[in-house]
Amino acid sequence: MILEQAVLDVIPGKQQAFEQAFQQAQKIISALPGYICHELHKCIETDNRYLLLVQWQTLEDHSIGFRQSSDYKKWKALLHYFYQPFPVVEHYQSLIPFRIKK
């Protein structure tokens, strides 16, 4: 499993429009091969900052399967004009699974 993370700085004042557009965009990404799940978090300290976490089966599912697809063009048209600056996307793999003991 690969975890994609992106810190999304949205143009101030466009947060509500971004959140609405993301409602549509998440349907695109969640239908792709290799997609596992995603979360979108809003920053408490910086009102126009979001954290996007997406789990993929493999790095290639994101970097090739998504980024080189026609669906990426739809995602891009819905979301990319909200970002300033454009986000850096990084990928992580789990080394030690997190478990809560009861």
PDB file of N, CA and C in Angstrom:
ATOM      1  N   MET A   1       0.849  -1.174   0.000  1.00  0.00           N
ATOM      2  CA  MET A   1       0.000   0.000   0.000  1.00  0.00           C
ATOM      3  C   MET A   1       0.892   1.233   0.000  1.00  0.00           C
ATOM      4  N   ILE A   2       0.490   2.219  -0.791  1.00  0.00           N
ATOM      5  CA  ILE A   2       1.206   3.489  -0.906  1.00  0.00           C
ATOM      6  C   ILE A   2       0.285   4.600  -0.421  1.00  0.00           C
ATOM      7  N   LEU A   3       0.826   5.512   0.367  1.00  0.00           N
ATOM      8  CA  LEU A   3       0.067   6.667   0.840  1.00  0.00           C
ATOM      9  C   LEU A   3       0.561   7.906   0.104  1.00  0.00           C
ATOM     10  N   GLU A   4      -0.335   8.522  -0.632  1.00  0.00           N
ATOM     11  CA  GLU A   4      -0.051   9.796  -1.302  1.00  0.00           C
ATOM     12  C   GLU A   4      -0.483  10.900  -0.353  1.00  0.00           C
ATOM     13  N   GLN A   5       0.345  11.938  -0.224  1.00  0.00           N
ATOM     14  CA  GLN A   5      -0.043  13.080   0.597  1.00  0.00           C
ATOM     15  C   GLN A   5       0.250  14.361  -0.166  1.00  0.00           C
ATOM     16  N   ALA A   6      -0.689  15.299  -0.048  1.00  0.00           N
ATOM     17  CA  ALA A   6      -0.517  16.612  -0.669  1.00  0.00           C
ATOM     18  C   ALA A   6      -1.096  17.664   0.262  1.00  0.00           C
ATOM     19  N   VAL A   7      -0.309  18.691   0.533  1.00  0.00           N
ATOM     20  CA  VAL A   7      -0.796  19.851   1.274  1.00  0.00           C
ATOM     21  C   VAL A   7      -1.320  20.824   0.225  1.00  0.00           C
ATOM     22  N   LEU A   8      -2.607  21.136   0.315  1.00  0.00           N
ATOM     23  CA  LEU A   8      -3.280  21.958  -0.687  1.00  0.00           C
ATOM     24  C   LEU A   8      -3.564  23.337  -0.113  1.00  0.00           C
ATOM     25  N   ASP A   9      -2.842  24.333  -0.596  1.00  0.00           N
ATOM     26  CA  ASP A   9      -3.099  25.717  -0.213  1.00  0.00           C
ATOM     27  C   ASP A   9      -4.046  26.309  -1.256  1.00  0.00           C
ATOM     28  N   VAL A  10      -5.272  26.559  -0.818  1.00  0.00           N
ATOM     29  CA  VAL A  10      -6.326  27.075  -1.699  1.00  0.00           C
ATOM     30  C   VAL A  10      -6.290  28.607  -1.649  1.00  0.00           C
ATOM     31  N   ILE A  11      -6.544  29.223  -2.780  1.00  0.00           N
ATOM     32  CA  ILE A  11      -6.579  30.686  -2.846  1.00  0.00           C
ATOM     33  C   ILE A  11      -7.572  31.183  -1.785  1.00  0.00           C
ATOM     34  N   PRO A  12      -7.144  32.107  -0.900  1.00  0.00           N
ATOM     35  CA  PRO A  12      -8.040  32.599   0.154  1.00  0.00           C
ATOM     36  C   PRO A  12      -9.366  33.092  -0.420  1.00  0.00           C
ATOM     37  N   GLY A  13     -10.436  32.715   0.267  1.00  0.00           N
ATOM     38  CA  GLY A  13     -11.785  33.088  -0.156  1.00  0.00           C
ATOM     39  C   GLY A  13     -12.444  32.071  -1.076  1.00  0.00           C
ATOM     40  N   LYS A  14     -11.688  31.077  -1.529  1.00  0.00           N
ATOM     41  CA  LYS A  14     -12.226  30.071  -2.458  1.00  0.00           C
ATOM     42  C   LYS A  14     -12.420  28.704  -1.785  1.00  0.00           C
ATOM     43  N   GLN A  15     -12.342  28.665  -0.459  1.00  0.00           N
ATOM     44  CA  GLN A  15     -12.432  27.396   0.253  1.00  0.00           C
ATOM     45  C   GLN A  15     -13.758  26.685   0.007  1.00  0.00           C
ATOM     46  N   GLN A  16     -14.860  27.402   0.081  1.00  0.00           N
ATOM     47  CA  GLN A  16     -16.168  26.760  -0.090  1.00  0.00           C
ATOM     48  C   GLN A  16     -16.319  26.210  -1.504  1.00  0.00           C
ATOM     49  N   ALA A  17     -15.890  26.962  -2.490  1.00  0.00           N
ATOM     50  CA  ALA A  17     -15.961  26.496  -3.880  1.00  0.00           C
ATOM     51  C   ALA A  17     -15.058  25.279  -4.077  1.00  0.00           C
ATOM     52  N   PHE A  18     -13.879  25.294  -3.461  1.00  0.00           N
ATOM     53  CA  PHE A  18     -12.976  24.145  -3.542  1.00  0.00           C
ATOM     54  C   PHE A  18     -13.634  22.910  -2.933  1.00  0.00           C
ATOM     55  N   GLU A  19     -14.224  23.053  -1.762  1.00  0.00           N
ATOM     56  CA  GLU A  19     -14.856  21.909  -1.096  1.00  0.00           C
ATOM     57  C   GLU A  19     -15.996  21.343  -1.946  1.00  0.00           C
ATOM     58  N   GLN A  20     -16.746  22.197  -2.595  1.00  0.00           N
ATOM     59  CA  GLN A  20     -17.827  21.730  -3.473  1.00  0.00           C
ATOM     60  C   GLN A  20     -17.259  21.002  -4.696  1.00  0.00           C
ATOM     61  N   ALA A  21     -16.211  21.563  -5.280  1.00  0.00           N
ATOM     62  CA  ALA A  21     -15.589  20.924  -6.442  1.00  0.00           C
ATOM     63  C   ALA A  21     -14.981  19.580  -6.047  1.00  0.00           C
ATOM     64  N   PHE A  22     -14.431  19.514  -4.833  1.00  0.00           N
ATOM     65  CA  PHE A  22     -13.833  18.257  -4.384  1.00  0.00           C
ATOM     66  C   PHE A  22     -14.892  17.165  -4.243  1.00  0.00           C
ATOM     67  N   GLN A  23     -16.107  17.541  -3.874  1.00  0.00           N
ATOM     68  CA  GLN A  23     -17.186  16.555  -3.787  1.00  0.00           C
ATOM     69  C   GLN A  23     -17.364  15.831  -5.124  1.00  0.00           C
ATOM     70  N   GLN A  24     -17.249  16.560  -6.211  1.00  0.00           N
ATOM     71  CA  GLN A  24     -17.342  15.951  -7.543  1.00  0.00           C
ATOM     72  C   GLN A  24     -16.064  15.181  -7.876  1.00  0.00           C
ATOM     73  N   ALA A  25     -14.925  15.787  -7.600  1.00  0.00           N
ATOM     74  CA  ALA A  25     -13.640  15.202  -7.974  1.00  0.00           C
ATOM     75  C   ALA A  25     -13.385  13.875  -7.267  1.00  0.00           C
ATOM     76  N   GLN A  26     -13.842  13.741  -6.037  1.00  0.00           N
ATOM     77  CA  GLN A  26     -13.580  12.497  -5.311  1.00  0.00           C
ATOM     78  C   GLN A  26     -14.265  11.300  -5.959  1.00  0.00           C
ATOM     79  N   LYS A  27     -15.328  11.539  -6.692  1.00  0.00           N
ATOM     80  CA  LYS A  27     -15.998  10.449  -7.415  1.00  0.00           C
ATOM     81  C   LYS A  27     -15.107   9.937  -8.546  1.00  0.00           C
ATOM     82  N   ILE A  28     -14.324  10.834  -9.131  1.00  0.00           N
ATOM     83  CA  ILE A  28     -13.412  10.450 -10.212  1.00  0.00           C
ATOM     84  C   ILE A  28     -12.317   9.546  -9.675  1.00  0.00           C
ATOM     85  N   ILE A  29     -11.649  10.011  -8.636  1.00  0.00           N
ATOM     86  CA  ILE A  29     -10.494   9.265  -8.118  1.00  0.00           C
ATOM     87  C   ILE A  29     -10.907   7.933  -7.497  1.00  0.00           C
ATOM     88  N   SER A  30     -12.040   7.903  -6.839  1.00  0.00           N
ATOM     89  CA  SER A  30     -12.441   6.676  -6.140  1.00  0.00           C
ATOM     90  C   SER A  30     -12.873   5.558  -7.085  1.00  0.00           C
ATOM     91  N   ALA A  31     -13.075   5.867  -8.356  1.00  0.00           N
ATOM     92  CA  ALA A  31     -13.477   4.851  -9.332  1.00  0.00           C
ATOM     93  C   ALA A  31     -12.286   4.242 -10.071  1.00  0.00           C
ATOM     94  N   LEU A  32     -11.075   4.685  -9.763  1.00  0.00           N
ATOM     95  CA  LEU A  32      -9.902   4.246 -10.526  1.00  0.00           C
ATOM     96  C   LEU A  32      -9.323   2.931 -10.023  1.00  0.00           C
ATOM     97  N   PRO A  33      -8.760   2.147 -10.930  1.00  0.00           N
ATOM     98  CA  PRO A  33      -8.079   0.916 -10.508  1.00  0.00           C
ATOM     99  C   PRO A  33      -6.923   1.251  -9.556  1.00  0.00           C
ATOM    100  N   GLY A  34      -6.791   0.448  -8.516  1.00  0.00           N
ATOM    101  CA  GLY A  34      -5.708   0.645  -7.560  1.00  0.00           C
ATOM    102  C   GLY A  34      -6.025   1.592  -6.423  1.00  0.00           C
ATOM    103  N   TYR A  35      -7.128   2.322  -6.532  1.00  0.00           N
ATOM    104  CA  TYR A  35      -7.549   3.235  -5.463  1.00  0.00           C
ATOM    105  C   TYR A  35      -8.031   2.408  -4.275  1.00  0.00           C
ATOM    106  N   ILE A  36      -7.638   2.806  -3.064  1.00  0.00           N
ATOM    107  CA  ILE A  36      -8.112   2.137  -1.850  1.00  0.00           C
ATOM    108  C   ILE A  36      -9.060   3.059  -1.086  1.00  0.00           C
ATOM    109  N   CYS A  37      -8.592   4.251  -0.700  1.00  0.00           N
ATOM    110  CA  CYS A  37      -9.434   5.186   0.037  1.00  0.00           C
ATOM    111  C   CYS A  37      -8.757   6.550   0.048  1.00  0.00           C
ATOM    112  N   HIS A  38      -9.493   7.564   0.514  1.00  0.00           N
ATOM    113  CA  HIS A  38      -8.899   8.898   0.638  1.00  0.00           C
ATOM    114  C   HIS A  38      -9.532   9.642   1.801  1.00  0.00           C
ATOM    115  N   GLU A  39      -8.828  10.672   2.247  1.00  0.00           N
ATOM    116  CA  GLU A  39      -9.308  11.573   3.298  1.00  0.00           C
ATOM    117  C   GLU A  39      -8.911  12.984   2.910  1.00  0.00           C
ATOM    118  N   LEU A  40      -9.780  13.939   3.182  1.00  0.00           N
ATOM    119  CA  LEU A  40      -9.457  15.351   3.010  1.00  0.00           C
ATOM    120  C   LEU A  40      -9.651  16.017   4.362  1.00  0.00           C
ATOM    121  N   HIS A  41      -8.608  16.681   4.846  1.00  0.00           N
ATOM    122  CA  HIS A  41      -8.642  17.352   6.149  1.00  0.00           C
ATOM    123  C   HIS A  41      -8.445  18.847   5.942  1.00  0.00           C
ATOM    124  N   LYS A  42      -9.152  19.653   6.740  1.00  0.00           N
ATOM    125  CA  LYS A  42      -8.978  21.108   6.700  1.00  0.00           C
ATOM    126  C   LYS A  42      -8.128  21.522   7.900  1.00  0.00           C
ATOM    127  N   CYS A  43      -7.142  22.366   7.641  1.00  0.00           N
ATOM    128  CA  CYS A  43      -6.234  22.826   8.689  1.00  0.00           C
ATOM    129  C   CYS A  43      -6.959  23.761   9.657  1.00  0.00           C
ATOM    130  N   ILE A  44      -6.711  23.598  10.917  1.00  0.00           N
ATOM    131  CA  ILE A  44      -7.314  24.441  11.949  1.00  0.00           C
ATOM    132  C   ILE A  44      -6.603  25.789  12.017  1.00  0.00           C
ATOM    133  N   GLU A  45      -5.272  25.772  11.932  1.00  0.00           N
ATOM    134  CA  GLU A  45      -4.507  27.012  12.078  1.00  0.00           C
ATOM    135  C   GLU A  45      -4.494  27.884  10.822  1.00  0.00           C
ATOM    136  N   THR A  46      -4.553  27.268   9.664  1.00  0.00           N
ATOM    137  CA  THR A  46      -4.508  28.004   8.391  1.00  0.00           C
ATOM    138  C   THR A  46      -5.771  27.670   7.622  1.00  0.00           C
ATOM    139  N   ASP A  47      -6.709  28.602   7.601  1.00  0.00           N
ATOM    140  CA  ASP A  47      -8.068  28.353   7.109  1.00  0.00           C
ATOM    141  C   ASP A  47      -8.152  27.903   5.654  1.00  0.00           C
ATOM    142  N   ASN A  48      -7.175  28.240   4.851  1.00  0.00           N
ATOM    143  CA  ASN A  48      -7.248  27.883   3.433  1.00  0.00           C
ATOM    144  C   ASN A  48      -6.332  26.701   3.077  1.00  0.00           C
ATOM    145  N   ARG A  49      -5.865  25.970   4.080  1.00  0.00           N
ATOM    146  CA  ARG A  49      -4.971  24.825   3.848  1.00  0.00           C
ATOM    147  C   ARG A  49      -5.713  23.519   4.119  1.00  0.00           C
ATOM    148  N   TYR A  50      -5.464  22.545   3.227  1.00  0.00           N
ATOM    149  CA  TYR A  50      -6.070  21.220   3.326  1.00  0.00           C
ATOM    150  C   TYR A  50      -4.971  20.167   3.204  1.00  0.00           C
ATOM    151  N   LEU A  51      -5.239  19.005   3.755  1.00  0.00           N
ATOM    152  CA  LEU A  51      -4.340  17.865   3.621  1.00  0.00           C
ATOM    153  C   LEU A  51      -5.113  16.751   2.939  1.00  0.00           C
ATOM    154  N   LEU A  52      -4.621  16.319   1.795  1.00  0.00           N
ATOM    155  CA  LEU A  52      -5.235  15.213   1.060  1.00  0.00           C
ATOM    156  C   LEU A  52      -4.365  13.975   1.235  1.00  0.00           C
ATOM    157  N   LEU A  53      -4.976  12.897   1.679  1.00  0.00           N
ATOM    158  CA  LEU A  53      -4.315  11.604   1.827  1.00  0.00           C
ATOM    159  C   LEU A  53      -5.065  10.598   0.969  1.00  0.00           C
ATOM    160  N   VAL A  54      -4.349   9.910   0.105  1.00  0.00           N
ATOM    161  CA  VAL A  54      -4.964   8.898  -0.754  1.00  0.00           C
ATOM    162  C   VAL A  54      -4.141   7.627  -0.649  1.00  0.00           C
ATOM    163  N   GLN A  55      -4.805   6.522  -0.420  1.00  0.00           N
ATOM    164  CA  GLN A  55      -4.126   5.231  -0.397  1.00  0.00           C
ATOM    165  C   GLN A  55      -4.321   4.543  -1.747  1.00  0.00           C
ATOM    166  N   TRP A  56      -3.201   4.074  -2.285  1.00  0.00           N
ATOM    167  CA  TRP A  56      -3.181   3.352  -3.559  1.00  0.00           C
ATOM    168  C   TRP A  56      -2.555   1.983  -3.332  1.00  0.00           C
ATOM    169  N   GLN A  57      -2.916   1.032  -4.162  1.00  0.00           N
ATOM    170  CA  GLN A  57      -2.301  -0.295  -4.060  1.00  0.00           C
ATOM    171  C   GLN A  57      -0.818  -0.224  -4.426  1.00  0.00           C
ATOM    172  N   THR A  58      -0.489   0.536  -5.495  1.00  0.00           N
ATOM    173  CA  THR A  58       0.906   0.673  -5.916  1.00  0.00           C
ATOM    174  C   THR A  58       1.170   2.127  -6.294  1.00  0.00           C
ATOM    175  N   LEU A  59       2.436   2.502  -6.332  1.00  0.00           N
ATOM    176  CA  LEU A  59       2.818   3.839  -6.775  1.00  0.00           C
ATOM    177  C   LEU A  59       2.365   4.075  -8.210  1.00  0.00           C
ATOM    178  N   GLU A  60       2.482   3.063  -9.045  1.00  0.00           N
ATOM    179  CA  GLU A  60       2.107   3.173 -10.451  1.00  0.00           C
ATOM    180  C   GLU A  60       0.610   3.407 -10.635  1.00  0.00           C
ATOM    181  N   ASP A  61      -0.209   2.911  -9.705  1.00  0.00           N
ATOM    182  CA  ASP A  61      -1.651   3.175  -9.795  1.00  0.00           C
ATOM    183  C   ASP A  61      -1.921   4.670  -9.768  1.00  0.00           C
ATOM    184  N   HIS A  62      -1.119   5.406  -9.012  1.00  0.00           N
ATOM    185  CA  HIS A  62      -1.279   6.860  -8.969  1.00  0.00           C
ATOM    186  C   HIS A  62      -0.494   7.545 -10.085  1.00  0.00           C
ATOM    187  N   SER A  63       0.802   7.252 -10.155  1.00  0.00           N
ATOM    188  CA  SER A  63       1.683   8.001 -11.054  1.00  0.00           C
ATOM    189  C   SER A  63       1.427   7.723 -12.531  1.00  0.00           C
ATOM    190  N   ILE A  64       0.969   6.542 -12.854  1.00  0.00           N
ATOM    191  CA  ILE A  64       0.687   6.202 -14.252  1.00  0.00           C
ATOM    192  C   ILE A  64      -0.819   6.043 -14.468  1.00  0.00           C
ATOM    193  N   GLY A  65      -1.433   5.134 -13.710  1.00  0.00           N
ATOM    194  CA  GLY A  65      -2.850   4.834 -13.901  1.00  0.00           C
ATOM    195  C   GLY A  65      -3.755   6.039 -13.780  1.00  0.00           C
ATOM    196  N   PHE A  66      -3.491   6.904 -12.810  1.00  0.00           N
ATOM    197  CA  PHE A  66      -4.306   8.106 -12.624  1.00  0.00           C
ATOM    198  C   PHE A  66      -3.750   9.276 -13.426  1.00  0.00           C
ATOM    199  N   ARG A  67      -2.500   9.601 -13.210  1.00  0.00           N
ATOM    200  CA  ARG A  67      -1.923  10.815 -13.803  1.00  0.00           C
ATOM    201  C   ARG A  67      -1.863  10.788 -15.329  1.00  0.00           C
ATOM    202  N   GLN A  68      -1.878   9.624 -15.930  1.00  0.00           N
ATOM    203  CA  GLN A  68      -1.834   9.543 -17.388  1.00  0.00           C
ATOM    204  C   GLN A  68      -3.191   9.184 -17.987  1.00  0.00           C
ATOM    205  N   SER A  69      -4.237   9.284 -17.176  1.00  0.00           N
ATOM    206  CA  SER A  69      -5.573   8.917 -17.651  1.00  0.00           C
ATOM    207  C   SER A  69      -6.373  10.138 -18.087  1.00  0.00           C
ATOM    208  N   SER A  70      -7.434   9.894 -18.826  1.00  0.00           N
ATOM    209  CA  SER A  70      -8.352  10.982 -19.196  1.00  0.00           C
ATOM    210  C   SER A  70      -9.090  11.487 -17.954  1.00  0.00           C
ATOM    211  N   ASP A  71      -9.225  10.629 -16.946  1.00  0.00           N
ATOM    212  CA  ASP A  71      -9.862  11.050 -15.693  1.00  0.00           C
ATOM    213  C   ASP A  71      -9.045  12.124 -14.988  1.00  0.00           C
ATOM    214  N   TYR A  72      -7.724  12.077 -15.138  1.00  0.00           N
ATOM    215  CA  TYR A  72      -6.874  13.105 -14.528  1.00  0.00           C
ATOM    216  C   TYR A  72      -7.183  14.481 -15.109  1.00  0.00           C
ATOM    217  N   LYS A  73      -7.490  14.537 -16.381  1.00  0.00           N
ATOM    218  CA  LYS A  73      -7.840  15.807 -17.016  1.00  0.00           C
ATOM    219  C   LYS A  73      -9.118  16.377 -16.391  1.00  0.00           C
ATOM    220  N   LYS A  74     -10.068  15.516 -16.072  1.00  0.00           N
ATOM    221  CA  LYS A  74     -11.311  15.961 -15.411  1.00  0.00           C
ATOM    222  C   LYS A  74     -11.007  16.466 -13.995  1.00  0.00           C
ATOM    223  N   TRP A  75     -10.192  15.719 -13.256  1.00  0.00           N
ATOM    224  CA  TRP A  75      -9.760  16.090 -11.897  1.00  0.00           C
ATOM    225  C   TRP A  75      -9.077  17.452 -11.934  1.00  0.00           C
ATOM    226  N   LYS A  76      -8.159  17.596 -12.878  1.00  0.00           N
ATOM    227  CA  LYS A  76      -7.379  18.822 -13.032  1.00  0.00           C
ATOM    228  C   LYS A  76      -8.305  20.010 -13.338  1.00  0.00           C
ATOM    229  N   ALA A  77      -9.271  19.819 -14.228  1.00  0.00           N
ATOM    230  CA  ALA A  77     -10.194  20.892 -14.592  1.00  0.00           C
ATOM    231  C   ALA A  77     -11.047  21.327 -13.400  1.00  0.00           C
ATOM    232  N   LEU A  78     -11.386  20.387 -12.526  1.00  0.00           N
ATOM    233  CA  LEU A  78     -12.199  20.703 -11.349  1.00  0.00           C
ATOM    234  C   LEU A  78     -11.410  21.407 -10.244  1.00  0.00           C
ATOM    235  N   LEU A  79     -10.133  21.044 -10.064  1.00  0.00           N
ATOM    236  CA  LEU A  79      -9.422  21.445  -8.848  1.00  0.00           C
ATOM    237  C   LEU A  79      -8.177  22.303  -9.012  1.00  0.00           C
ATOM    238  N   HIS A  80      -7.434  22.152 -10.070  1.00  0.00           N
ATOM    239  CA  HIS A  80      -6.091  22.732 -10.110  1.00  0.00           C
ATOM    240  C   HIS A  80      -6.052  24.251 -10.069  1.00  0.00           C
ATOM    241  N   TYR A  81      -7.068  24.924 -10.509  1.00  0.00           N
ATOM    242  CA  TYR A  81      -7.025  26.395 -10.477  1.00  0.00           C
ATOM    243  C   TYR A  81      -7.272  26.968  -9.077  1.00  0.00           C
ATOM    244  N   PHE A  82      -7.581  26.126  -8.097  1.00  0.00           N
ATOM    245  CA  PHE A  82      -7.768  26.586  -6.718  1.00  0.00           C
ATOM    246  C   PHE A  82      -6.437  26.745  -5.968  1.00  0.00           C
ATOM    247  N   TYR A  83      -5.373  26.105  -6.429  1.00  0.00           N
ATOM    248  CA  TYR A  83      -4.136  26.007  -5.659  1.00  0.00           C
ATOM    249  C   TYR A  83      -3.187  27.165  -5.926  1.00  0.00           C
ATOM    250  N   GLN A  84      -2.637  27.686  -4.818  1.00  0.00           N
ATOM    251  CA  GLN A  84      -1.595  28.703  -4.921  1.00  0.00           C
ATOM    252  C   GLN A  84      -0.735  28.643  -3.667  1.00  0.00           C
ATOM    253  N   PRO A  85       0.476  28.129  -3.765  1.00  0.00           N
ATOM    254  CA  PRO A  85       1.160  27.574  -4.930  1.00  0.00           C
ATOM    255  C   PRO A  85       0.664  26.166  -5.236  1.00  0.00           C
ATOM    256  N   PHE A  86       1.116  25.634  -6.364  1.00  0.00           N
ATOM    257  CA  PHE A  86       0.725  24.276  -6.727  1.00  0.00           C
ATOM    258  C   PHE A  86       1.341  23.304  -5.723  1.00  0.00           C
ATOM    259  N   PRO A  87       0.577  22.323  -5.254  1.00  0.00           N
ATOM    260  CA  PRO A  87       1.070  21.432  -4.195  1.00  0.00           C
ATOM    261  C   PRO A  87       2.165  20.473  -4.647  1.00  0.00           C
ATOM    262  N   VAL A  88       3.009  20.149  -3.693  1.00  0.00           N
ATOM    263  CA  VAL A  88       3.990  19.077  -3.866  1.00  0.00           C
ATOM    264  C   VAL A  88       3.304  17.802  -3.393  1.00  0.00           C
ATOM    265  N   VAL A  89       3.340  16.788  -4.214  1.00  0.00           N
ATOM    266  CA  VAL A  89       2.732  15.497  -3.880  1.00  0.00           C
ATOM    267  C   VAL A  89       3.851  14.519  -3.572  1.00  0.00           C
ATOM    268  N   GLU A  90       3.732  13.834  -2.440  1.00  0.00           N
ATOM    269  CA  GLU A  90       4.730  12.849  -2.050  1.00  0.00           C
ATOM    270  C   GLU A  90       4.047  11.529  -1.743  1.00  0.00           C
ATOM    271  N   HIS A  91       4.827  10.458  -1.831  1.00  0.00           N
ATOM    272  CA  HIS A  91       4.308   9.109  -1.606  1.00  0.00           C
ATOM    273  C   HIS A  91       5.093   8.442  -0.478  1.00  0.00           C
ATOM    274  N   TYR A  92       4.386   7.688   0.344  1.00  0.00           N
ATOM    275  CA  TYR A  92       4.988   7.014   1.497  1.00  0.00           C
ATOM    276  C   TYR A  92       4.570   5.557   1.513  1.00  0.00           C
ATOM    277  N   GLN A  93       5.449   4.722   2.050  1.00  0.00           N
ATOM    278  CA  GLN A  93       5.079   3.331   2.282  1.00  0.00           C
ATOM    279  C   GLN A  93       5.224   3.036   3.764  1.00  0.00           C
ATOM    280  N   SER A  94       4.369   2.184   4.261  1.00  0.00           N
ATOM    281  CA  SER A  94       4.338   1.859   5.679  1.00  0.00           C
ATOM    282  C   SER A  94       5.512   0.955   6.053  1.00  0.00           C
ATOM    283  N   LEU A  95       6.177   1.318   7.135  1.00  0.00           N
ATOM    284  CA  LEU A  95       7.246   0.483   7.667  1.00  0.00           C
ATOM    285  C   LEU A  95       6.778  -0.298   8.886  1.00  0.00           C
ATOM    286  N   ILE A  96       6.022   0.381   9.726  1.00  0.00           N
ATOM    287  CA  ILE A  96       5.520  -0.240  10.951  1.00  0.00           C
ATOM    288  C   ILE A  96       4.031   0.076  11.049  1.00  0.00           C
ATOM    289  N   PRO A  97       3.182  -0.929  11.001  1.00  0.00           N
ATOM    290  CA  PRO A  97       1.744  -0.638  11.107  1.00  0.00           C
ATOM    291  C   PRO A  97       1.392  -0.094  12.481  1.00  0.00           C
ATOM    292  N   PHE A  98       0.506   0.857  12.500  1.00  0.00           N
ATOM    293  CA  PHE A  98       0.047   1.494  13.729  1.00  0.00           C
ATOM    294  C   PHE A  98      -1.128   0.702  14.282  1.00  0.00           C
ATOM    295  N   ARG A  99      -1.041   0.339  15.512  1.00  0.00           N
ATOM    296  CA  ARG A  99      -2.120  -0.406  16.162  1.00  0.00           C
ATOM    297  C   ARG A  99      -2.369   0.211  17.545  1.00  0.00           C
ATOM    298  N   ILE A 100      -3.594   0.307  17.912  1.00  0.00           N
ATOM    299  CA  ILE A 100      -3.954   0.781  19.246  1.00  0.00           C
ATOM    300  C   ILE A 100      -4.285  -0.444  20.102  1.00  0.00           C
ATOM    301  N   LYS A 101      -3.593  -0.546  21.218  1.00  0.00           N
ATOM    302  CA  LYS A 101      -3.882  -1.646  22.144  1.00  0.00           C
ATOM    303  C   LYS A 101      -5.039  -1.242  23.049  1.00  0.00           C
ATOM    304  N   LYS A 102      -5.888  -2.165  23.323  1.00  0.00           N
ATOM    305  CA  LYS A 102      -7.010  -1.919  24.236  1.00  0.00           C
ATOM    306  C   LYS A 102      -6.751  -2.538  25.572  1.00  0.00           C
TER     307      LYS A 102
END
